[in-house]
PDB file of N, CA and C in Angstrom:
ATOM      1  N   MET A   1    -100.093  64.176 -80.739  1.00  0.00           N
ATOM      2  CA  MET A   1    -101.593  64.590 -80.951  1.00  0.00           C
ATOM      3  C   MET A   1    -102.182  65.901 -80.160  1.00  0.00           C
ATOM      4  N   GLY A   2    -102.886  66.609 -80.712  1.00  0.00           N
ATOM      5  CA  GLY A   2    -103.276  67.978 -80.222  1.00  0.00           C
ATOM      6  C   GLY A   2    -104.869  68.003 -80.017  1.00  0.00           C
ATOM      7  N   CYS A   3    -105.178  68.943 -79.358  1.00  0.00           N
ATOM      8  CA  CYS A   3    -106.721  69.088 -79.027  1.00  0.00           C
ATOM      9  C   CYS A   3    -107.012  70.524 -78.512  1.00  0.00           C
ATOM     10  N   ASP A   4    -107.896  71.235 -79.226  1.00  0.00           N
ATOM     11  CA  ASP A   4    -108.700  72.427 -78.764  1.00  0.00           C
ATOM     12  C   ASP A   4    -110.084  72.609 -78.786  1.00  0.00           C
ATOM     13  N   ASN A   5    -110.687  73.498 -78.690  1.00  0.00           N
ATOM     14  CA  ASN A   5    -112.243  73.742 -78.641  1.00  0.00           C
ATOM     15  C   ASN A   5    -112.623  74.204 -80.039  1.00  0.00           C
ATOM     16  N   LYS A   6    -111.844  74.373 -81.013  1.00  0.00           N
ATOM     17  CA  LYS A   6    -112.197  74.780 -82.397  1.00  0.00           C
ATOM     18  C   LYS A   6    -113.153  73.968 -82.966  1.00  0.00           C
ATOM     19  N   LEU A   7    -114.209  73.979 -83.083  1.00  0.00           N
ATOM     20  CA  LEU A   7    -115.197  73.156 -83.812  1.00  0.00           C
ATOM     21  C   LEU A   7    -115.878  73.776 -84.877  1.00  0.00           C
ATOM     22  N   SER A   8    -116.059  72.631 -85.887  1.00  0.00           N
ATOM     23  CA  SER A   8    -116.820  73.046 -87.137  1.00  0.00           C
ATOM     24  C   SER A   8    -117.963  72.050 -87.318  1.00  0.00           C
ATOM     25  N   ILE A   9    -118.968  72.451 -86.970  1.00  0.00           N
ATOM     26  CA  ILE A   9    -120.554  71.580 -87.039  1.00  0.00           C
ATOM     27  C   ILE A   9    -120.789  71.719 -88.245  1.00  0.00           C
ATOM     28  N   LEU A  10    -120.732  70.573 -89.054  1.00  0.00           N
ATOM     29  CA  LEU A  10    -121.144  70.547 -90.405  1.00  0.00           C
ATOM     30  C   LEU A  10    -122.732  69.815 -90.551  1.00  0.00           C
ATOM     31  N   ARG A  11    -123.124  69.124 -89.658  1.00  0.00           N
ATOM     32  CA  ARG A  11    -124.247  68.541 -89.544  1.00  0.00           C
ATOM     33  C   ARG A  11    -125.032  68.570 -88.334  1.00  0.00           C
ATOM     34  N   GLY A  12    -126.332  68.488 -88.399  1.00  0.00           N
ATOM     35  CA  GLY A  12    -127.221  68.075 -87.092  1.00  0.00           C
ATOM     36  C   GLY A  12    -128.481  67.726 -87.365  1.00  0.00           C
ATOM     37  N   TRP A  13    -129.358  67.687 -86.466  1.00  0.00           N
ATOM     38  CA  TRP A  13    -130.878  67.152 -86.414  1.00  0.00           C
ATOM     39  C   TRP A  13    -131.544  68.096 -86.105  1.00  0.00           C
ATOM     40  N   SER A  14    -132.870  68.368 -86.947  1.00  0.00           N
ATOM     41  CA  SER A  14    -133.718  69.200 -86.829  1.00  0.00           C
ATOM     42  C   SER A  14    -135.166  68.559 -87.460  1.00  0.00           C
ATOM     43  N   LEU A  15    -136.158  69.228 -87.345  1.00  0.00           N
ATOM     44  CA  LEU A  15    -137.480  69.155 -88.014  1.00  0.00           C
ATOM     45  C   LEU A  15    -137.251  69.115 -89.626  1.00  0.00           C
ATOM     46  N   ILE A  16    -138.031  68.301 -90.188  1.00  0.00           N
ATOM     47  CA  ILE A  16    -137.819  68.773 -91.799  1.00  0.00           C
ATOM     48  C   ILE A  16    -138.388  70.022 -92.160  1.00  0.00           C
ATOM     49  N   GLY A  17    -137.566  70.528 -92.856  1.00  0.00           N
ATOM     50  CA  GLY A  17    -137.739  72.228 -93.281  1.00  0.00           C
ATOM     51  C   GLY A  17    -137.257  73.048 -92.309  1.00  0.00           C
ATOM     52  N   GLU A  18    -136.635  72.870 -91.158  1.00  0.00           N
ATOM     53  CA  GLU A  18    -136.316  73.614 -90.050  1.00  0.00           C
ATOM     54  C   GLU A  18    -134.710  73.594 -90.166  1.00  0.00           C
ATOM     55  N   PRO A  19    -134.013  74.784 -89.925  1.00  0.00           N
ATOM     56  CA  PRO A  19    -132.658  74.832 -89.851  1.00  0.00           C
ATOM     57  C   PRO A  19    -132.171  74.066 -88.531  1.00  0.00           C
ATOM     58  N   SER A  20    -130.926  73.779 -88.718  1.00  0.00           N
ATOM     59  CA  SER A  20    -130.084  72.926 -87.527  1.00  0.00           C
ATOM     60  C   SER A  20    -129.331  73.881 -86.786  1.00  0.00           C
ATOM     61  N   TYR A  21    -129.568  74.270 -85.526  1.00  0.00           N
ATOM     62  CA  TYR A  21    -128.721  74.972 -84.628  1.00  0.00           C
ATOM     63  C   TYR A  21    -127.909  74.209 -83.729  1.00  0.00           C
ATOM     64  N   GLY A  22    -126.502  74.581 -83.390  1.00  0.00           N
ATOM     65  CA  GLY A  22    -125.959  74.111 -82.415  1.00  0.00           C
ATOM     66  C   GLY A  22    -125.139  74.968 -81.631  1.00  0.00           C
ATOM     67  N   GLU A  23    -124.731  74.814 -80.557  1.00  0.00           N
ATOM     68  CA  GLU A  23    -123.817  75.764 -79.572  1.00  0.00           C
ATOM     69  C   GLU A  23    -122.636  75.439 -79.483  1.00  0.00           C
ATOM     70  N   VAL A  24    -121.641  76.681 -79.925  1.00  0.00           N
ATOM     71  CA  VAL A  24    -120.347  76.662 -79.849  1.00  0.00           C
ATOM     72  C   VAL A  24    -119.890  77.592 -79.120  1.00  0.00           C
ATOM     73  N   LEU A  25    -118.594  77.501 -78.414  1.00  0.00           N
ATOM     74  CA  LEU A  25    -117.779  78.606 -77.472  1.00  0.00           C
ATOM     75  C   LEU A  25    -117.569  79.581 -78.467  1.00  0.00           C
ATOM     76  N   ALA A  26    -117.715  80.927 -77.934  1.00  0.00           N
ATOM     77  CA  ALA A  26    -117.276  82.214 -78.788  1.00  0.00           C
ATOM     78  C   ALA A  26    -116.012  82.362 -78.729  1.00  0.00           C
ATOM     79  N   TYR A  27    -115.108  81.735 -78.143  1.00  0.00           N
ATOM     80  CA  TYR A  27    -113.626  81.693 -78.061  1.00  0.00           C
ATOM     81  C   TYR A  27    -112.951  80.598 -78.202  1.00  0.00           C
ATOM     82  N   GLN A  28    -111.782  80.765 -78.591  1.00  0.00           N
ATOM     83  CA  GLN A  28    -110.939  79.422 -78.633  1.00  0.00           C
ATOM     84  C   GLN A  28    -109.917  79.489 -77.638  1.00  0.00           C
ATOM     85  N   THR A  29    -109.763  78.368 -77.061  1.00  0.00           N
ATOM     86  CA  THR A  29    -108.949  77.884 -76.015  1.00  0.00           C
ATOM     87  C   THR A  29    -107.463  77.625 -76.701  1.00  0.00           C
ATOM     88  N   GLN A  30    -106.619  77.753 -75.688  1.00  0.00           N
ATOM     89  CA  GLN A  30    -105.275  77.503 -76.146  1.00  0.00           C
ATOM     90  C   GLN A  30    -104.930  76.035 -76.543  1.00  0.00           C
ATOM     91  N   ARG A  31    -104.372  75.736 -77.758  1.00  0.00           N
ATOM     92  CA  ARG A  31    -104.263  74.099 -77.859  1.00  0.00           C
ATOM     93  C   ARG A  31    -103.285  73.484 -77.100  1.00  0.00           C
ATOM     94  N   ARG A  32    -103.637  72.308 -76.783  1.00  0.00           N
ATOM     95  CA  ARG A  32    -102.526  71.399 -75.867  1.00  0.00           C
ATOM     96  C   ARG A  32    -102.293  70.282 -76.734  1.00  0.00           C
ATOM     97  N   SER A  33    -100.935  69.825 -76.835  1.00  0.00           N
ATOM     98  CA  SER A  33    -100.393  68.817 -77.340  1.00  0.00           C
ATOM     99  C   SER A  33     -99.932  67.795 -76.636  1.00  0.00           C
ATOM    100  N   ILE A  34     -99.700  66.587 -76.881  1.00  0.00           N
ATOM    101  CA  ILE A  34     -99.134  65.847 -76.174  1.00  0.00           C
ATOM    102  C   ILE A  34     -98.203  64.791 -77.281  1.00  0.00           C
ATOM    103  N   VAL A  35     -96.870  64.412 -76.711  1.00  0.00           N
ATOM    104  CA  VAL A  35     -95.892  63.751 -77.771  1.00  0.00           C
ATOM    105  C   VAL A  35     -95.498  62.521 -76.939  1.00  0.00           C
ATOM    106  N   ALA A  36     -95.461  61.550 -77.187  1.00  0.00           N
ATOM    107  CA  ALA A  36     -95.159  60.457 -76.399  1.00  0.00           C
ATOM    108  C   ALA A  36     -94.670  59.150 -77.181  1.00  0.00           C
ATOM    109  N   GLY A  37     -93.739  58.146 -76.718  1.00  0.00           N
ATOM    110  CA  GLY A  37     -93.389  57.190 -77.290  1.00  0.00           C
ATOM    111  C   GLY A  37     -94.237  55.862 -76.556  1.00  0.00           C
ATOM    112  N   TYR A  38     -94.171  54.648 -77.172  1.00  0.00           N
ATOM    113  CA  TYR A  38     -94.935  53.661 -76.558  1.00  0.00           C
ATOM    114  C   TYR A  38     -93.855  52.191 -76.819  1.00  0.00           C
ATOM    115  N   ASN A  39     -93.538  51.938 -75.576  1.00  0.00           N
ATOM    116  CA  ASN A  39     -92.800  50.731 -75.603  1.00  0.00           C
ATOM    117  C   ASN A  39     -93.724  49.290 -75.675  1.00  0.00           C
ATOM    118  N   TYR A  40     -93.479  48.986 -77.165  1.00  0.00           N
ATOM    119  CA  TYR A  40     -94.300  47.868 -77.512  1.00  0.00           C
ATOM    120  C   TYR A  40     -93.840  46.596 -76.603  1.00  0.00           C
ATOM    121  N   ALA A  41     -92.740  46.278 -76.173  1.00  0.00           N
ATOM    122  CA  ALA A  41     -92.595  45.142 -75.391  1.00  0.00           C
ATOM    123  C   ALA A  41     -93.011  45.178 -73.801  1.00  0.00           C
ATOM    124  N   ASP A  42     -92.996  46.275 -73.360  1.00  0.00           N
ATOM    125  CA  ASP A  42     -93.534  46.455 -72.102  1.00  0.00           C
ATOM    126  C   ASP A  42     -94.990  47.007 -71.985  1.00  0.00           C
ATOM    127  N   LYS A  43     -95.748  47.397 -73.135  1.00  0.00           N
ATOM    128  CA  LYS A  43     -97.014  47.987 -73.268  1.00  0.00           C
ATOM    129  C   LYS A  43     -97.045  49.160 -72.396  1.00  0.00           C
ATOM    130  N   LYS A  44     -96.032  49.995 -72.409  1.00  0.00           N
ATOM    131  CA  LYS A  44     -96.112  51.206 -71.449  1.00  0.00           C
ATOM    132  C   LYS A  44     -95.854  52.810 -72.313  1.00  0.00           C
ATOM    133  N   ILE A  45     -96.394  53.813 -71.801  1.00  0.00           N
ATOM    134  CA  ILE A  45     -96.110  55.049 -72.608  1.00  0.00           C
ATOM    135  C   ILE A  45     -94.838  55.321 -72.009  1.00  0.00           C
ATOM    136  N   ILE A  46     -94.034  56.036 -72.841  1.00  0.00           N
ATOM    137  CA  ILE A  46     -92.808  56.331 -72.238  1.00  0.00           C
ATOM    138  C   ILE A  46     -92.584  57.850 -73.008  1.00  0.00           C
ATOM    139  N   ALA A  47     -91.619  58.719 -72.146  1.00  0.00           N
ATOM    140  CA  ALA A  47     -91.280  59.940 -72.577  1.00  0.00           C
ATOM    141  C   ALA A  47     -92.341  60.869 -72.992  1.00  0.00           C
ATOM    142  N   LEU A  48     -93.447  60.739 -72.101  1.00  0.00           N
ATOM    143  CA  LEU A  48     -94.536  61.817 -72.349  1.00  0.00           C
ATOM    144  C   LEU A  48     -94.301  63.343 -71.995  1.00  0.00           C
ATOM    145  N   LEU A  49     -94.623  64.070 -72.912  1.00  0.00           N
ATOM    146  CA  LEU A  49     -94.440  65.353 -72.931  1.00  0.00           C
ATOM    147  C   LEU A  49     -95.736  66.156 -73.410  1.00  0.00           C
ATOM    148  N   GLU A  50     -96.350  67.028 -72.345  1.00  0.00           N
ATOM    149  CA  GLU A  50     -97.639  67.733 -72.697  1.00  0.00           C
ATOM    150  C   GLU A  50     -97.064  69.186 -72.609  1.00  0.00           C
ATOM    151  N   TYR A  51     -97.904  70.253 -73.788  1.00  0.00           N
ATOM    152  CA  TYR A  51     -97.222  71.299 -73.994  1.00  0.00           C
ATOM    153  C   TYR A  51     -98.522  72.085 -74.713  1.00  0.00           C
ATOM    154  N   SER A  52     -98.233  73.671 -74.601  1.00  0.00           N
ATOM    155  CA  SER A  52     -99.179  74.326 -75.276  1.00  0.00           C
ATOM    156  C   SER A  52     -98.531  74.566 -76.732  1.00  0.00           C
ATOM    157  N   GLY A  53     -99.552  74.417 -77.514  1.00  0.00           N
ATOM    158  CA  GLY A  53     -99.268  74.959 -78.848  1.00  0.00           C
ATOM    159  C   GLY A  53     -99.270  73.657 -79.951  1.00  0.00           C
ATOM    160  N   TYR A  54     -98.764  73.899 -81.147  1.00  0.00           N
ATOM    161  CA  TYR A  54     -98.758  72.999 -82.245  1.00  0.00           C
ATOM    162  C   TYR A  54     -97.371  72.114 -82.223  1.00  0.00           C
ATOM    163  N   THR A  55     -97.321  70.796 -82.660  1.00  0.00           N
ATOM    164  CA  THR A  55     -96.029  70.133 -82.721  1.00  0.00           C
ATOM    165  C   THR A  55     -95.509  70.636 -84.224  1.00  0.00           C
ATOM    166  N   ASN A  56     -94.077  70.776 -84.165  1.00  0.00           N
ATOM    167  CA  ASN A  56     -93.529  71.149 -85.434  1.00  0.00           C
ATOM    168  C   ASN A  56     -92.063  70.471 -85.330  1.00  0.00           C
ATOM    169  N   THR A  57     -91.357  70.560 -86.315  1.00  0.00           N
ATOM    170  CA  THR A  57     -89.915  69.787 -86.344  1.00  0.00           C
ATOM    171  C   THR A  57     -88.984  70.103 -85.233  1.00  0.00           C
ATOM    172  N   GLU A  58     -88.779  71.464 -84.733  1.00  0.00           N
ATOM    173  CA  GLU A  58     -88.056  71.708 -83.912  1.00  0.00           C
ATOM    174  C   GLU A  58     -88.436  71.177 -82.495  1.00  0.00           C
ATOM    175  N   ILE A  59     -89.603  71.371 -82.228  1.00  0.00           N
ATOM    176  CA  ILE A  59     -90.295  70.743 -81.099  1.00  0.00           C
ATOM    177  C   ILE A  59     -90.108  69.117 -80.831  1.00  0.00           C
ATOM    178  N   PHE A  60     -90.421  68.388 -81.900  1.00  0.00           N
ATOM    179  CA  PHE A  60     -90.182  67.027 -82.183  1.00  0.00           C
ATOM    180  C   PHE A  60     -88.801  66.625 -81.934  1.00  0.00           C
ATOM    181  N   ASN A  61     -87.869  67.188 -82.602  1.00  0.00           N
ATOM    182  CA  ASN A  61     -86.603  67.021 -82.474  1.00  0.00           C
ATOM    183  C   ASN A  61     -86.012  67.131 -81.125  1.00  0.00           C
ATOM    184  N   GLN A  62     -86.358  68.163 -80.204  1.00  0.00           N
ATOM    185  CA  GLN A  62     -86.007  68.433 -78.940  1.00  0.00           C
ATOM    186  C   GLN A  62     -86.483  67.419 -78.017  1.00  0.00           C
ATOM    187  N   TRP A  63     -87.810  66.992 -78.259  1.00  0.00           N
ATOM    188  CA  TRP A  63     -88.406  66.021 -77.365  1.00  0.00           C
ATOM    189  C   TRP A  63     -87.680  64.670 -77.559  1.00  0.00           C
ATOM    190  N   PHE A  64     -87.222  64.522 -78.912  1.00  0.00           N
ATOM    191  CA  PHE A  64     -86.591  62.990 -79.272  1.00  0.00           C
ATOM    192  C   PHE A  64     -85.234  62.901 -78.720  1.00  0.00           C
ATOM    193  N   GLU A  65     -84.502  64.246 -78.814  1.00  0.00           N
ATOM    194  CA  GLU A  65     -83.332  64.065 -78.053  1.00  0.00           C
ATOM    195  C   GLU A  65     -83.171  64.205 -76.569  1.00  0.00           C
ATOM    196  N   GLU A  66     -83.958  64.898 -76.047  1.00  0.00           N
ATOM    197  CA  GLU A  66     -84.187  65.122 -74.589  1.00  0.00           C
ATOM    198  C   GLU A  66     -84.818  64.098 -73.889  1.00  0.00           C
ATOM    199  N   HIS A  67     -85.877  63.636 -74.280  1.00  0.00           N
ATOM    200  CA  HIS A  67     -86.784  62.879 -73.577  1.00  0.00           C
ATOM    201  C   HIS A  67     -86.769  61.365 -74.068  1.00  0.00           C
ATOM    202  N   LEU A  68     -86.897  61.108 -75.124  1.00  0.00           N
ATOM    203  CA  LEU A  68     -87.184  59.753 -75.759  1.00  0.00           C
ATOM    204  C   LEU A  68     -85.748  59.114 -75.685  1.00  0.00           C
ATOM    205  N   CYS A  69     -84.949  59.412 -76.477  1.00  0.00           N
ATOM    206  CA  CYS A  69     -83.674  58.811 -76.835  1.00  0.00           C
ATOM    207  C   CYS A  69     -83.075  58.280 -75.436  1.00  0.00           C
ATOM    208  N   PRO A  70     -82.972  59.336 -74.593  1.00  0.00           N
ATOM    209  CA  PRO A  70     -82.214  58.830 -73.466  1.00  0.00           C
ATOM    210  C   PRO A  70     -82.870  57.795 -72.452  1.00  0.00           C
ATOM    211  N   SER A  71     -84.158  57.486 -72.746  1.00  0.00           N
ATOM    212  CA  SER A  71     -84.909  56.471 -71.969  1.00  0.00           C
ATOM    213  C   SER A  71     -84.834  55.089 -72.961  1.00  0.00           C
ATOM    214  N   LEU A  72     -84.093  55.139 -73.923  1.00  0.00           N
ATOM    215  CA  LEU A  72     -84.064  53.715 -74.856  1.00  0.00           C
ATOM    216  C   LEU A  72     -82.807  53.247 -74.536  1.00  0.00           C
ATOM    217  N   LYS A  73     -82.662  51.793 -74.967  1.00  0.00           N
ATOM    218  CA  LYS A  73     -81.459  51.124 -74.867  1.00  0.00           C
ATOM    219  C   LYS A  73     -80.725  51.211 -76.448  1.00  0.00           C
ATOM    220  N   PRO A  74     -79.533  51.301 -76.374  1.00  0.00           N
ATOM    221  CA  PRO A  74     -78.815  51.184 -77.809  1.00  0.00           C
ATOM    222  C   PRO A  74     -79.373  50.105 -78.653  1.00  0.00           C
ATOM    223  N   LYS A  75     -79.454  50.204 -80.053  1.00  0.00           N
ATOM    224  CA  LYS A  75     -79.851  49.308 -81.002  1.00  0.00           C
ATOM    225  C   LYS A  75     -81.492  49.167 -80.976  1.00  0.00           C
ATOM    226  N   THR A  76     -82.140  50.192 -80.398  1.00  0.00           N
ATOM    227  CA  THR A  76     -83.707  49.934 -80.196  1.00  0.00           C
ATOM    228  C   THR A  76     -84.202  50.623 -81.759  1.00  0.00           C
ATOM    229  N   THR A  77     -85.209  49.853 -82.045  1.00  0.00           N
ATOM    230  CA  THR A  77     -85.707  50.221 -83.241  1.00  0.00           C
ATOM    231  C   THR A  77     -86.985  51.065 -82.877  1.00  0.00           C
ATOM    232  N   ILE A  78     -87.223  52.423 -83.501  1.00  0.00           N
ATOM    233  CA  ILE A  78     -88.281  53.353 -83.214  1.00  0.00           C
ATOM    234  C   ILE A  78     -89.119  53.241 -84.424  1.00  0.00           C
ATOM    235  N   VAL A  79     -90.393  52.973 -84.377  1.00  0.00           N
ATOM    236  CA  VAL A  79     -91.295  52.800 -85.384  1.00  0.00           C
ATOM    237  C   VAL A  79     -92.126  54.339 -85.662  1.00  0.00           C
ATOM    238  N   MET A  80     -92.183  54.886 -86.719  1.00  0.00           N
ATOM    239  CA  MET A  80     -92.819  56.167 -86.788  1.00  0.00           C
ATOM    240  C   MET A  80     -93.695  56.161 -88.171  1.00  0.00           C
ATOM    241  N   ASP A  81     -94.637  57.101 -87.933  1.00  0.00           N
ATOM    242  CA  ASP A  81     -95.376  57.154 -89.118  1.00  0.00           C
ATOM    243  C   ASP A  81     -94.688  58.559 -90.079  1.00  0.00           C
ATOM    244  N   ASN A  82     -95.304  58.804 -91.002  1.00  0.00           N
ATOM    245  CA  ASN A  82     -94.839  59.650 -91.818  1.00  0.00           C
ATOM    246  C   ASN A  82     -95.236  61.242 -91.801  1.00  0.00           C
ATOM    247  N   ALA A  83     -95.314  61.466 -90.647  1.00  0.00           N
ATOM    248  CA  ALA A  83     -95.834  62.614 -90.338  1.00  0.00           C
ATOM    249  C   ALA A  83     -94.527  63.859 -90.648  1.00  0.00           C
ATOM    250  N   SER A  84     -94.667  64.878 -91.272  1.00  0.00           N
ATOM    251  CA  SER A  84     -93.675  65.873 -91.667  1.00  0.00           C
ATOM    252  C   SER A  84     -92.214  66.201 -90.722  1.00  0.00           C
ATOM    253  N   PHE A  85     -93.005  66.219 -89.574  1.00  0.00           N
ATOM    254  CA  PHE A  85     -91.794  66.684 -88.392  1.00  0.00           C
ATOM    255  C   PHE A  85     -91.246  65.118 -88.043  1.00  0.00           C
ATOM    256  N   HIS A  86     -91.722  64.239 -88.444  1.00  0.00           N
ATOM    257  CA  HIS A  86     -90.744  62.818 -88.206  1.00  0.00           C
ATOM    258  C   HIS A  86     -89.787  62.687 -89.172  1.00  0.00           C
ATOM    259  N   LYS A  87     -89.323  63.644 -90.101  1.00  0.00           N
ATOM    260  CA  LYS A  87     -88.378  63.248 -91.422  1.00  0.00           C
ATOM    261  C   LYS A  87     -87.477  64.244 -91.600  1.00  0.00           C
ATOM    262  N   SER A  88     -87.118  64.784 -90.673  1.00  0.00           N
ATOM    263  CA  SER A  88     -85.775  65.636 -90.674  1.00  0.00           C
ATOM    264  C   SER A  88     -84.387  65.078 -90.700  1.00  0.00           C
ATOM    265  N   SER A  89     -83.376  65.845 -91.207  1.00  0.00           N
ATOM    266  CA  SER A  89     -81.984  65.363 -91.326  1.00  0.00           C
ATOM    267  C   SER A  89     -81.290  65.408 -89.642  1.00  0.00           C
ATOM    268  N   LYS A  90     -81.823  66.459 -89.228  1.00  0.00           N
ATOM    269  CA  LYS A  90     -81.448  66.285 -87.897  1.00  0.00           C
ATOM    270  C   LYS A  90     -81.936  65.192 -86.906  1.00  0.00           C
ATOM    271  N   LEU A  91     -83.166  64.812 -87.202  1.00  0.00           N
ATOM    272  CA  LEU A  91     -83.601  63.535 -86.488  1.00  0.00           C
ATOM    273  C   LEU A  91     -83.007  62.474 -86.606  1.00  0.00           C
ATOM    274  N   ILE A  92     -82.360  62.180 -87.802  1.00  0.00           N
ATOM    275  CA  ILE A  92     -81.368  61.063 -87.983  1.00  0.00           C
ATOM    276  C   ILE A  92     -80.144  61.245 -87.371  1.00  0.00           C
ATOM    277  N   LYS A  93     -79.600  62.365 -87.515  1.00  0.00           N
ATOM    278  CA  LYS A  93     -78.457  62.684 -86.839  1.00  0.00           C
ATOM    279  C   LYS A  93     -78.489  62.256 -85.174  1.00  0.00           C
ATOM    280  N   ILE A  94     -79.658  62.686 -84.745  1.00  0.00           N
ATOM    281  CA  ILE A  94     -79.910  62.260 -83.153  1.00  0.00           C
ATOM    282  C   ILE A  94     -79.953  60.684 -82.976  1.00  0.00           C
ATOM    283  N   ALA A  95     -80.907  60.241 -83.852  1.00  0.00           N
ATOM    284  CA  ALA A  95     -80.850  58.836 -83.619  1.00  0.00           C
ATOM    285  C   ALA A  95     -79.364  58.072 -83.807  1.00  0.00           C
ATOM    286  N   ASN A  96     -78.797  58.502 -84.703  1.00  0.00           N
ATOM    287  CA  ASN A  96     -77.403  58.012 -84.967  1.00  0.00           C
ATOM    288  C   ASN A  96     -76.534  58.355 -83.638  1.00  0.00           C
ATOM    289  N   LYS A  97     -76.674  59.375 -83.339  1.00  0.00           N
ATOM    290  CA  LYS A  97     -75.997  59.507 -81.720  1.00  0.00           C
ATOM    291  C   LYS A  97     -76.357  58.626 -80.417  1.00  0.00           C
ATOM    292  N   PHE A  98     -77.443  58.365 -80.485  1.00  0.00           N
ATOM    293  CA  PHE A  98     -77.970  57.379 -79.664  1.00  0.00           C
ATOM    294  C   PHE A  98     -77.942  56.038 -79.696  1.00  0.00           C
ATOM    295  N   ASP A  99     -77.458  55.591 -81.082  1.00  0.00           N
ATOM    296  CA  ASP A  99     -77.402  54.293 -81.625  1.00  0.00           C
ATOM    297  C   ASP A  99     -78.944  53.740 -81.788  1.00  0.00           C
ATOM    298  N   VAL A 100     -79.708  54.415 -82.217  1.00  0.00           N
ATOM    299  CA  VAL A 100     -81.164  53.947 -82.312  1.00  0.00           C
ATOM    300  C   VAL A 100     -81.500  54.008 -83.984  1.00  0.00           C
ATOM    301  N   GLN A 101     -82.228  52.998 -84.147  1.00  0.00           N
ATOM    302  CA  GLN A 101     -82.770  52.914 -85.635  1.00  0.00           C
ATOM    303  C   GLN A 101     -84.230  53.374 -85.660  1.00  0.00           C
ATOM    304  N   ILE A 102     -84.357  54.445 -86.833  1.00  0.00           N
ATOM    305  CA  ILE A 102     -85.786  54.570 -87.164  1.00  0.00           C
ATOM    306  C   ILE A 102     -86.415  53.773 -88.240  1.00  0.00           C
ATOM    307  N   LEU A 103     -87.696  53.338 -88.016  1.00  0.00           N
ATOM    308  CA  LEU A 103     -88.277  52.680 -89.170  1.00  0.00           C
ATOM    309  C   LEU A 103     -89.627  53.395 -89.593  1.00  0.00           C
ATOM    310  N   TYR A 104     -89.614  53.632 -90.699  1.00  0.00           N
ATOM    311  CA  TYR A 104     -90.811  54.491 -91.192  1.00  0.00           C
ATOM    312  C   TYR A 104     -91.884  53.408 -91.782  1.00  0.00           C
ATOM    313  N   LEU A 105     -93.014  53.544 -91.321  1.00  0.00           N
ATOM    314  CA  LEU A 105     -94.362  53.044 -91.619  1.00  0.00           C
ATOM    315  C   LEU A 105     -94.542  53.277 -93.259  1.00  0.00           C
ATOM    316  N   PRO A 106     -95.320  52.445 -93.911  1.00  0.00           N
ATOM    317  CA  PRO A 106     -95.714  52.950 -95.299  1.00  0.00           C
ATOM    318  C   PRO A 106     -96.724  54.094 -94.881  1.00  0.00           C
ATOM    319  N   PRO A 107     -96.821  54.890 -95.938  1.00  0.00           N
ATOM    320  CA  PRO A 107     -97.803  56.063 -95.846  1.00  0.00           C
ATOM    321  C   PRO A 107     -99.390  55.544 -95.878  1.00  0.00           C
ATOM    322  N   TYR A 108    -100.014  56.435 -95.033  1.00  0.00           N
ATOM    323  CA  TYR A 108    -101.517  55.941 -94.554  1.00  0.00           C
ATOM    324  C   TYR A 108    -101.677  54.507 -94.153  1.00  0.00           C
ATOM    325  N   SER A 109    -100.895  54.144 -93.015  1.00  0.00           N
ATOM    326  CA  SER A 109    -101.331  52.817 -92.459  1.00  0.00           C
ATOM    327  C   SER A 109    -101.135  52.696 -90.963  1.00  0.00           C
ATOM    328  N   PRO A 110    -102.247  53.632 -90.368  1.00  0.00           N
ATOM    329  CA  PRO A 110    -102.281  53.710 -88.808  1.00  0.00           C
ATOM    330  C   PRO A 110    -102.474  52.445 -88.331  1.00  0.00           C
ATOM    331  N   ASP A 111    -102.997  51.560 -89.228  1.00  0.00           N
ATOM    332  CA  ASP A 111    -103.144  50.074 -88.533  1.00  0.00           C
ATOM    333  C   ASP A 111    -102.074  49.258 -88.294  1.00  0.00           C
ATOM    334  N   LEU A 112    -100.836  49.719 -88.855  1.00  0.00           N
ATOM    335  CA  LEU A 112     -99.729  49.155 -88.294  1.00  0.00           C
ATOM    336  C   LEU A 112     -98.924  49.900 -87.241  1.00  0.00           C
ATOM    337  N   ASN A 113     -99.413  51.165 -86.772  1.00  0.00           N
ATOM    338  CA  ASN A 113     -98.567  51.988 -85.733  1.00  0.00           C
ATOM    339  C   ASN A 113     -99.283  51.491 -84.503  1.00  0.00           C
ATOM    340  N   PRO A 114     -98.138  50.982 -83.615  1.00  0.00           N
ATOM    341  CA  PRO A 114     -98.737  50.585 -82.231  1.00  0.00           C
ATOM    342  C   PRO A 114     -99.455  51.514 -81.458  1.00  0.00           C
ATOM    343  N   ILE A 115     -98.861  52.751 -81.497  1.00  0.00           N
ATOM    344  CA  ILE A 115     -99.201  54.184 -80.802  1.00  0.00           C
ATOM    345  C   ILE A 115    -100.489  54.464 -81.133  1.00  0.00           C
ATOM    346  N   GLU A 116    -101.032  54.149 -82.173  1.00  0.00           N
ATOM    347  CA  GLU A 116    -102.632  54.461 -82.893  1.00  0.00           C
ATOM    348  C   GLU A 116    -103.561  53.463 -81.540  1.00  0.00           C
ATOM    349  N   LYS A 117    -103.162  52.630 -81.065  1.00  0.00           N
ATOM    350  CA  LYS A 117    -103.992  51.490 -80.424  1.00  0.00           C
ATOM    351  C   LYS A 117    -104.171  51.970 -78.769  1.00  0.00           C
ATOM    352  N   VAL A 118    -103.110  52.993 -78.414  1.00  0.00           N
ATOM    353  CA  VAL A 118    -103.168  53.378 -77.024  1.00  0.00           C
ATOM    354  C   VAL A 118    -104.428  54.016 -76.671  1.00  0.00           C
TER     355      VAL A 118
END
């Protein structure tokens, strides 16, 4: 998940026939991103990592190998959505190294993803 102050105001309220105005910052702040796991059994966030910038395959794989997998027991099943950075061949190799299984959700099914409810 990432956030910044880059806004696109598409709608607003005004009197009939009058233009709608809104205030936005004249500059863009640095993007902050968060990557985390969710232990469904314990109902806890695990392996939380916050950083500047966007999430890509390299960053996700590094987090997966250095933060998430070491905190899991062997034979754990990891549920992921179909984000492009979740589907690299290196990620599968890392999962095999730690003896964990990755289960991908069907496309467009955030209702099945436990971390979406956090």
